[in-house]
Every structure is written in structure tokens, then in C-alpha cells.
PDB file of N, CA and C in Angstrom:
ATOM      1  N   MET A   1       0.848  -1.166   0.000  1.00  0.00           N
ATOM      2  CA  MET A   1       0.000   0.000   0.000  1.00  0.00           C
ATOM      3  C   MET A   1       0.896   1.233   0.000  1.00  0.00           C
ATOM      4  N   VAL A   2       0.591   2.179  -0.826  1.00  0.00           N
ATOM      5  CA  VAL A   2       1.373   3.396  -0.948  1.00  0.00           C
ATOM      6  C   VAL A   2       0.586   4.543  -0.328  1.00  0.00           C
ATOM      7  N   ALA A   3       1.261   5.370   0.467  1.00  0.00           N
ATOM      8  CA  ALA A   3       0.660   6.547   1.070  1.00  0.00           C
ATOM      9  C   ALA A   3       1.587   7.726   0.823  1.00  0.00           C
ATOM     10  N   ARG A   4       1.125   8.900   1.174  1.00  0.00           N
ATOM     11  CA  ARG A   4       1.912  10.103   0.946  1.00  0.00           C
ATOM     12  C   ARG A   4       2.110  10.836   2.266  1.00  0.00           C
ATOM     13  N   VAL A   5       3.264  11.441   2.441  1.00  0.00           N
ATOM     14  CA  VAL A   5       3.556  12.258   3.615  1.00  0.00           C
ATOM     15  C   VAL A   5       3.046  13.669   3.336  1.00  0.00           C
ATOM     16  N   GLU A   6       2.294  14.220   4.283  1.00  0.00           N
ATOM     17  CA  GLU A   6       1.753  15.570   4.165  1.00  0.00           C
ATOM     18  C   GLU A   6       2.407  16.468   5.211  1.00  0.00           C
ATOM     19  N   LYS A   7       2.606  17.722   4.874  1.00  0.00           N
ATOM     20  CA  LYS A   7       3.136  18.700   5.822  1.00  0.00           C
ATOM     21  C   LYS A   7       1.987  19.218   6.671  1.00  0.00           C
ATOM     22  N   CYS A   8       2.217  19.306   7.986  1.00  0.00           N
ATOM     23  CA  CYS A   8       1.238  19.911   8.880  1.00  0.00           C
ATOM     24  C   CYS A   8       1.989  20.873   9.801  1.00  0.00           C
ATOM     25  N   PRO A   9       1.296  21.712  10.580  1.00  0.00           N
ATOM     26  CA  PRO A   9       1.976  22.763  11.352  1.00  0.00           C
ATOM     27  C   PRO A   9       3.097  22.268  12.271  1.00  0.00           C
ATOM     28  N   ASP A  10       2.921  21.118  12.914  1.00  0.00           N
ATOM     29  CA  ASP A  10       3.923  20.670  13.876  1.00  0.00           C
ATOM     30  C   ASP A  10       4.801  19.538  13.377  1.00  0.00           C
ATOM     31  N   GLY A  11       4.780  19.259  12.090  1.00  0.00           N
ATOM     32  CA  GLY A  11       5.606  18.170  11.569  1.00  0.00           C
ATOM     33  C   GLY A  11       5.040  17.632  10.276  1.00  0.00           C
ATOM     34  N   PHE A  12       4.902  16.320  10.219  1.00  0.00           N
ATOM     35  CA  PHE A  12       4.406  15.649   9.036  1.00  0.00           C
ATOM     36  C   PHE A  12       3.319  14.663   9.438  1.00  0.00           C
ATOM     37  N   ALA A  13       2.460  14.305   8.490  1.00  0.00           N
ATOM     38  CA  ALA A  13       1.375  13.360   8.754  1.00  0.00           C
ATOM     39  C   ALA A  13       1.311  12.344   7.631  1.00  0.00           C
ATOM     40  N   VAL A  14       0.963  11.134   7.977  1.00  0.00           N
ATOM     41  CA  VAL A  14       0.726  10.071   7.004  1.00  0.00           C
ATOM     42  C   VAL A  14      -0.718   9.638   7.186  1.00  0.00           C
ATOM     43  N   ILE A  15      -1.501   9.657   6.114  1.00  0.00           N
ATOM     44  CA  ILE A  15      -2.888   9.220   6.190  1.00  0.00           C
ATOM     45  C   ILE A  15      -2.904   7.695   6.109  1.00  0.00           C
ATOM     46  N   VAL A  16      -3.455   7.071   7.139  1.00  0.00           N
ATOM     47  CA  VAL A  16      -3.571   5.616   7.175  1.00  0.00           C
ATOM     48  C   VAL A  16      -4.969   5.253   6.675  1.00  0.00           C
ATOM     49  N   PRO A  17      -5.072   4.499   5.604  1.00  0.00           N
ATOM     50  CA  PRO A  17      -6.386   4.115   5.110  1.00  0.00           C
ATOM     51  C   PRO A  17      -7.197   3.374   6.178  1.00  0.00           C
ATOM     52  N   THR A  18      -8.506   3.592   6.177  1.00  0.00           N
ATOM     53  CA  THR A  18      -9.377   3.020   7.194  1.00  0.00           C
ATOM     54  C   THR A  18      -9.242   1.511   7.292  1.00  0.00           C
ATOM     55  N   SER A  19      -9.161   0.825   6.173  1.00  0.00           N
ATOM     56  CA  SER A  19      -9.069  -0.639   6.212  1.00  0.00           C
ATOM     57  C   SER A  19      -7.803  -1.091   6.940  1.00  0.00           C
ATOM     58  N   LEU A  20      -6.703  -0.408   6.701  1.00  0.00           N
ATOM     59  CA  LEU A  20      -5.444  -0.750   7.362  1.00  0.00           C
ATOM     60  C   LEU A  20      -5.482  -0.374   8.846  1.00  0.00           C
ATOM     61  N   ALA A  21      -6.063   0.781   9.156  1.00  0.00           N
ATOM     62  CA  ALA A  21      -6.196   1.204  10.553  1.00  0.00           C
ATOM     63  C   ALA A  21      -7.050   0.204  11.323  1.00  0.00           C
ATOM     64  N   ASN A  22      -8.122  -0.277  10.707  1.00  0.00           N
ATOM     65  CA  ASN A  22      -8.983  -1.261  11.360  1.00  0.00           C
ATOM     66  C   ASN A  22      -8.221  -2.557  11.635  1.00  0.00           C
ATOM     67  N   GLN A  23      -7.413  -2.996  10.692  1.00  0.00           N
ATOM     68  CA  GLN A  23      -6.618  -4.210  10.876  1.00  0.00           C
ATOM     69  C   GLN A  23      -5.636  -4.052  12.033  1.00  0.00           C
ATOM     70  N   ALA A  24      -5.113  -2.833  12.201  1.00  0.00           N
ATOM     71  CA  ALA A  24      -4.124  -2.568  13.258  1.00  0.00           C
ATOM     72  C   ALA A  24      -4.789  -2.216  14.586  1.00  0.00           C
ATOM     73  N   GLY A  25      -6.107  -2.048  14.581  1.00  0.00           N
ATOM     74  CA  GLY A  25      -6.816  -1.687  15.810  1.00  0.00           C
ATOM     75  C   GLY A  25      -6.633  -0.229  16.195  1.00  0.00           C
ATOM     76  N   LEU A  26      -6.392   0.636  15.217  1.00  0.00           N
ATOM     77  CA  LEU A  26      -6.180   2.055  15.474  1.00  0.00           C
ATOM     78  C   LEU A  26      -7.464   2.841  15.255  1.00  0.00           C
ATOM     79  N   HIS A  27      -7.610   3.957  15.975  1.00  0.00           N
ATOM     80  CA  HIS A  27      -8.713   4.880  15.762  1.00  0.00           C
ATOM     81  C   HIS A  27      -8.228   6.289  16.099  1.00  0.00           C
ATOM     82  N   ALA A  28      -9.008   7.294  15.756  1.00  0.00           N
ATOM     83  CA  ALA A  28      -8.608   8.687  15.982  1.00  0.00           C
ATOM     84  C   ALA A  28      -8.291   8.908  17.453  1.00  0.00           C
ATOM     85  N   GLY A  29      -7.175   9.531  17.737  1.00  0.00           N
ATOM     86  CA  GLY A  29      -6.762   9.820  19.096  1.00  0.00           C
ATOM     87  C   GLY A  29      -6.037   8.679  19.790  1.00  0.00           C
ATOM     88  N   PHE A  30      -5.901   7.547  19.119  1.00  0.00           N
ATOM     89  CA  PHE A  30      -5.252   6.372  19.697  1.00  0.00           C
ATOM     90  C   PHE A  30      -3.762   6.640  19.837  1.00  0.00           C
ATOM     91  N   PRO A  31      -3.154   6.379  21.017  1.00  0.00           N
ATOM     92  CA  PRO A  31      -1.723   6.619  21.167  1.00  0.00           C
ATOM     93  C   PRO A  31      -0.893   5.577  20.412  1.00  0.00           C
ATOM     94  N   ILE A  32       0.132   6.053  19.735  1.00  0.00           N
ATOM     95  CA  ILE A  32       1.027   5.171  18.991  1.00  0.00           C
ATOM     96  C   ILE A  32       2.464   5.480  19.378  1.00  0.00           C
ATOM     97  N   VAL A  33       3.346   4.568  19.028  1.00  0.00           N
ATOM     98  CA  VAL A  33       4.783   4.753  19.225  1.00  0.00           C
ATOM     99  C   VAL A  33       5.419   4.758  17.844  1.00  0.00           C
ATOM    100  N   LEU A  34       6.268   5.755  17.591  1.00  0.00           N
ATOM    101  CA  LEU A  34       7.012   5.841  16.333  1.00  0.00           C
ATOM    102  C   LEU A  34       8.472   5.521  16.624  1.00  0.00           C
ATOM    103  N   GLU A  35       9.061   4.679  15.794  1.00  0.00           N
ATOM    104  CA  GLU A  35      10.470   4.321  15.948  1.00  0.00           C
ATOM    105  C   GLU A  35      11.112   4.263  14.564  1.00  0.00           C
ATOM    106  N   PHE A  36      12.381   4.561  14.515  1.00  0.00           N
ATOM    107  CA  PHE A  36      13.152   4.349  13.299  1.00  0.00           C
ATOM    108  C   PHE A  36      14.088   3.198  13.607  1.00  0.00           C
ATOM    109  N   ALA A  37      13.824   2.045  13.011  1.00  0.00           N
ATOM    110  CA  ALA A  37      14.594   0.838  13.328  1.00  0.00           C
ATOM    111  C   ALA A  37      14.934   0.092  12.050  1.00  0.00           C
ATOM    112  N   GLY A  38      16.171  -0.269  11.894  1.00  0.00           N
ATOM    113  CA  GLY A  38      16.602  -1.040  10.731  1.00  0.00           C
ATOM    114  C   GLY A  38      16.339  -0.345   9.410  1.00  0.00           C
ATOM    115  N   GLY A  39      16.369   0.987   9.425  1.00  0.00           N
ATOM    116  CA  GLY A  39      16.139   1.746   8.195  1.00  0.00           C
ATOM    117  C   GLY A  39      14.670   1.950   7.864  1.00  0.00           C
ATOM    118  N   TYR A  40      13.771   1.557   8.772  1.00  0.00           N
ATOM    119  CA  TYR A  40      12.328   1.684   8.537  1.00  0.00           C
ATOM    120  C   TYR A  40      11.685   2.533   9.617  1.00  0.00           C
ATOM    121  N   LEU A  41      10.680   3.288   9.229  1.00  0.00           N
ATOM    122  CA  LEU A  41       9.836   3.985  10.189  1.00  0.00           C
ATOM    123  C   LEU A  41       8.775   2.983  10.639  1.00  0.00           C
ATOM    124  N   VAL A  42       8.749   2.690  11.920  1.00  0.00           N
ATOM    125  CA  VAL A  42       7.837   1.696  12.470  1.00  0.00           C
ATOM    126  C   VAL A  42       6.767   2.420  13.283  1.00  0.00           C
ATOM    127  N   VAL A  43       5.509   2.110  13.008  1.00  0.00           N
ATOM    128  CA  VAL A  43       4.378   2.654  13.741  1.00  0.00           C
ATOM    129  C   VAL A  43       3.701   1.490  14.436  1.00  0.00           C
ATOM    130  N   ARG A  44       3.547   1.586  15.766  1.00  0.00           N
ATOM    131  CA  ARG A  44       2.878   0.499  16.482  1.00  0.00           C
ATOM    132  C   ARG A  44       2.005   1.090  17.580  1.00  0.00           C
ATOM    133  N   PRO A  45       0.927   0.382  17.936  1.00  0.00           N
ATOM    134  CA  PRO A  45       0.074   0.871  19.020  1.00  0.00           C
ATOM    135  C   PRO A  45       0.860   0.940  20.319  1.00  0.00           C
ATOM    136  N   LYS A  46       0.579   1.956  21.114  1.00  0.00           N
ATOM    137  CA  LYS A  46       1.218   2.074  22.433  1.00  0.00           C
ATOM    138  C   LYS A  46       0.489   1.138  23.380  1.00  0.00           C
ATOM    139  N   SER A  47       1.241   0.306  24.067  1.00  0.00           N
ATOM    140  CA  SER A  47       0.622  -0.636  24.994  1.00  0.00           C
ATOM    141  C   SER A  47       0.241   0.085  26.288  1.00  0.00           C
ATOM    142  N   SER A  48      -0.776  -0.418  26.939  1.00  0.00           N
ATOM    143  CA  SER A  48      -1.212   0.139  28.221  1.00  0.00           C
ATOM    144  C   SER A  48      -0.202  -0.257  29.294  1.00  0.00           C
ATOM    145  N   PRO A  49       0.010   0.629  30.271  1.00  0.00           N
ATOM    146  CA  PRO A  49       0.946   0.270  31.339  1.00  0.00           C
ATOM    147  C   PRO A  49       0.382  -0.867  32.190  1.00  0.00           C
ATOM    148  N   THR A  50       1.271  -1.676  32.735  1.00  0.00           N
ATOM    149  CA  THR A  50       0.853  -2.762  33.622  1.00  0.00           C
ATOM    150  C   THR A  50       0.549  -2.179  35.002  1.00  0.00           C
ATOM    151  N   LEU A  51      -0.103  -2.972  35.830  1.00  0.00           N
ATOM    152  CA  LEU A  51      -0.393  -2.524  37.188  1.00  0.00           C
ATOM    153  C   LEU A  51       0.902  -2.225  37.938  1.00  0.00           C
ATOM    154  N   ASP A  52       1.910  -3.063  37.760  1.00  0.00           N
ATOM    155  CA  ASP A  52       3.199  -2.824  38.427  1.00  0.00           C
ATOM    156  C   ASP A  52       3.815  -1.494  37.991  1.00  0.00           C
ATOM    157  N   GLU A  53       3.701  -1.162  36.692  1.00  0.00           N
ATOM    158  CA  GLU A  53       4.240   0.111  36.209  1.00  0.00           C
ATOM    159  C   GLU A  53       3.467   1.289  36.805  1.00  0.00           C
ATOM    160  N   LEU A  54       2.153   1.157  36.899  1.00  0.00           N
ATOM    161  CA  LEU A  54       1.355   2.223  37.494  1.00  0.00           C
ATOM    162  C   LEU A  54       1.685   2.402  38.973  1.00  0.00           C
ATOM    163  N   LEU A  55       1.807   1.292  39.698  1.00  0.00           N
ATOM    164  CA  LEU A  55       2.128   1.369  41.125  1.00  0.00           C
ATOM    165  C   LEU A  55       3.518   1.947  41.363  1.00  0.00           C
ATOM    166  N   ALA A  56       4.436   1.703  40.437  1.00  0.00           N
ATOM    167  CA  ALA A  56       5.798   2.226  40.578  1.00  0.00           C
ATOM    168  C   ALA A  56       5.829   3.752  40.476  1.00  0.00           C
ATOM    169  N   ARG A  57       4.791   4.351  39.898  1.00  0.00           N
ATOM    170  CA  ARG A  57       4.727   5.811  39.770  1.00  0.00           C
ATOM    171  C   ARG A  57       4.273   6.497  41.055  1.00  0.00           C
ATOM    172  N   ILE A  58       3.792   5.741  42.033  1.00  0.00           N
ATOM    173  CA  ILE A  58       3.326   6.327  43.290  1.00  0.00           C
ATOM    174  C   ILE A  58       4.532   6.702  44.138  1.00  0.00           C
ATOM    175  N   THR A  59       4.551   7.952  44.571  1.00  0.00           N
ATOM    176  CA  THR A  59       5.639   8.450  45.415  1.00  0.00           C
ATOM    177  C   THR A  59       5.014   9.132  46.635  1.00  0.00           C
ATOM    178  N   PRO A  60       5.798   9.374  47.669  1.00  0.00           N
ATOM    179  CA  PRO A  60       5.252  10.110  48.821  1.00  0.00           C
ATOM    180  C   PRO A  60       4.721  11.494  48.422  1.00  0.00           C
ATOM    181  N   GLU A  61       5.302  12.087  47.386  1.00  0.00           N
ATOM    182  CA  GLU A  61       4.885  13.431  46.963  1.00  0.00           C
ATOM    183  C   GLU A  61       3.519  13.429  46.272  1.00  0.00           C
ATOM    184  N   ASN A  62       3.167  12.346  45.552  1.00  0.00           N
ATOM    185  CA  ASN A  62       1.888  12.355  44.834  1.00  0.00           C
ATOM    186  C   ASN A  62       0.830  11.466  45.490  1.00  0.00           C
ATOM    187  N   LEU A  63       1.122  10.937  46.662  1.00  0.00           N
ATOM    188  CA  LEU A  63       0.173  10.104  47.393  1.00  0.00           C
ATOM    189  C   LEU A  63      -0.680  10.995  48.285  1.00  0.00           C
ATOM    190  N   HIS A  64      -1.994  10.955  48.079  1.00  0.00           N
ATOM    191  CA  HIS A  64      -2.868  11.804  48.895  1.00  0.00           C
ATOM    192  C   HIS A  64      -3.072  11.184  50.273  1.00  0.00           C
ATOM    193  N   GLY A  65      -3.452  12.021  51.191  1.00  0.00           N
ATOM    194  CA  GLY A  65      -3.694  11.551  52.548  1.00  0.00           C
ATOM    195  C   GLY A  65      -5.102  10.998  52.719  1.00  0.00           C
ATOM    196  N   GLU A  66      -5.404  10.639  53.948  1.00  0.00           N
ATOM    197  CA  GLU A  66      -6.734  10.120  54.249  1.00  0.00           C
ATOM    198  C   GLU A  66      -7.727  11.268  54.356  1.00  0.00           C
ATOM    199  N   TRP A  67      -9.006  10.950  54.283  1.00  0.00           N
ATOM    200  CA  TRP A  67     -10.038  11.944  54.495  1.00  0.00           C
ATOM    201  C   TRP A  67     -11.158  11.289  55.294  1.00  0.00           C
ATOM    202  N   ALA A  68     -11.860  12.116  56.042  1.00  0.00           N
ATOM    203  CA  ALA A  68     -12.974  11.609  56.847  1.00  0.00           C
ATOM    204  C   ALA A  68     -14.208  11.537  55.958  1.00  0.00           C
ATOM    205  N   ASP A  69     -14.833  10.361  55.919  1.00  0.00           N
ATOM    206  CA  ASP A  69     -15.996  10.228  55.053  1.00  0.00           C
ATOM    207  C   ASP A  69     -17.297  10.565  55.782  1.00  0.00           C
ATOM    208  N   GLY A  70     -17.323  10.452  57.079  1.00  0.00           N
ATOM    209  CA  GLY A  70     -18.507  10.832  57.846  1.00  0.00           C
ATOM    210  C   GLY A  70     -19.691   9.910  57.611  1.00  0.00           C
ATOM    211  N   PRO A  71     -20.807  10.221  58.250  1.00  0.00           N
ATOM    212  CA  PRO A  71     -21.996   9.383  58.089  1.00  0.00           C
ATOM    213  C   PRO A  71     -22.674   9.618  56.730  1.00  0.00           C
ATOM    214  N   PRO A  72     -23.550   8.711  56.298  1.00  0.00           N
ATOM    215  CA  PRO A  72     -24.276   8.902  55.032  1.00  0.00           C
ATOM    216  C   PRO A  72     -25.092  10.187  55.075  1.00  0.00           C
ATOM    217  N   VAL A  73     -25.156  10.883  53.949  1.00  0.00           N
ATOM    218  CA  VAL A  73     -25.903  12.140  53.883  1.00  0.00           C
ATOM    219  C   VAL A  73     -27.054  12.095  52.877  1.00  0.00           C
ATOM    220  N   GLY A  74     -27.211  10.990  52.191  1.00  0.00           N
ATOM    221  CA  GLY A  74     -28.269  10.880  51.193  1.00  0.00           C
ATOM    222  C   GLY A  74     -28.775   9.476  51.117  1.00  0.00           C
ATOM    223  N   SER A  75     -29.052   9.037  49.922  1.00  0.00           N
ATOM    224  CA  SER A  75     -29.616   7.695  49.717  1.00  0.00           C
ATOM    225  C   SER A  75     -28.551   6.661  49.363  1.00  0.00           C
ATOM    226  N   GLU A  76     -27.268   6.941  49.698  1.00  0.00           N
ATOM    227  CA  GLU A  76     -26.214   5.998  49.352  1.00  0.00           C
ATOM    228  C   GLU A  76     -26.157   4.794  50.279  1.00  0.00           C
ATOM    229  N   CYS A  77     -26.880   4.857  51.360  1.00  0.00           N
ATOM    230  CA  CYS A  77     -26.894   3.740  52.300  1.00  0.00           C
ATOM    231  C   CYS A  77     -28.018   2.764  51.959  1.00  0.00           C
ATOM    232  N   CYS A  78     -27.968   1.594  52.480  1.00  0.00           N
ATOM    233  CA  CYS A  78     -28.933   0.530  52.267  1.00  0.00           C
ATOM    234  C   CYS A  78     -30.300   1.089  52.182  1.00  0.00           C
TER     235      CYS A  78
END
């Protein structure tokens, strides 16, 4: 499949045909990773972080403290 590189304000864009995007599981706004490897521009979906990776981002600086929840104030109780 042949595509064309287009100039846009912040760089360049390649239009991915819908059929190919569907095969790759891509949609508008989907995060991707771009790499130049072995002389090729490689486009691949960005994988979601694992739970361990997310937990590793928790630090004393970004960990919130406890809060008092108090008694029910509406219909949230049984």
C-alpha cells in the first residue's frame, strides 16, 4: 500500500487508510509509538501500562492523605 507524507503545522502526517487502521486496531486519538529501526519507520500501538508500572509511579509526593468520610448524607446507604 502506498501513502503520501503531508506537511502539517507541527511536523508531518501520514494518512492511514481506514481498512489498514482497522486491521491494526487504530482509531482517531489512539496513542502510537514511532520508531526508526533497521532503516524503517515503524508505527505500532502504544501498549497500556501494567499494574506494576502504574504502582511504581506512586511516590510520597503524589500520594494523597486520608479523608474523613462521615456518616451517610443521602440515599447511598442501604
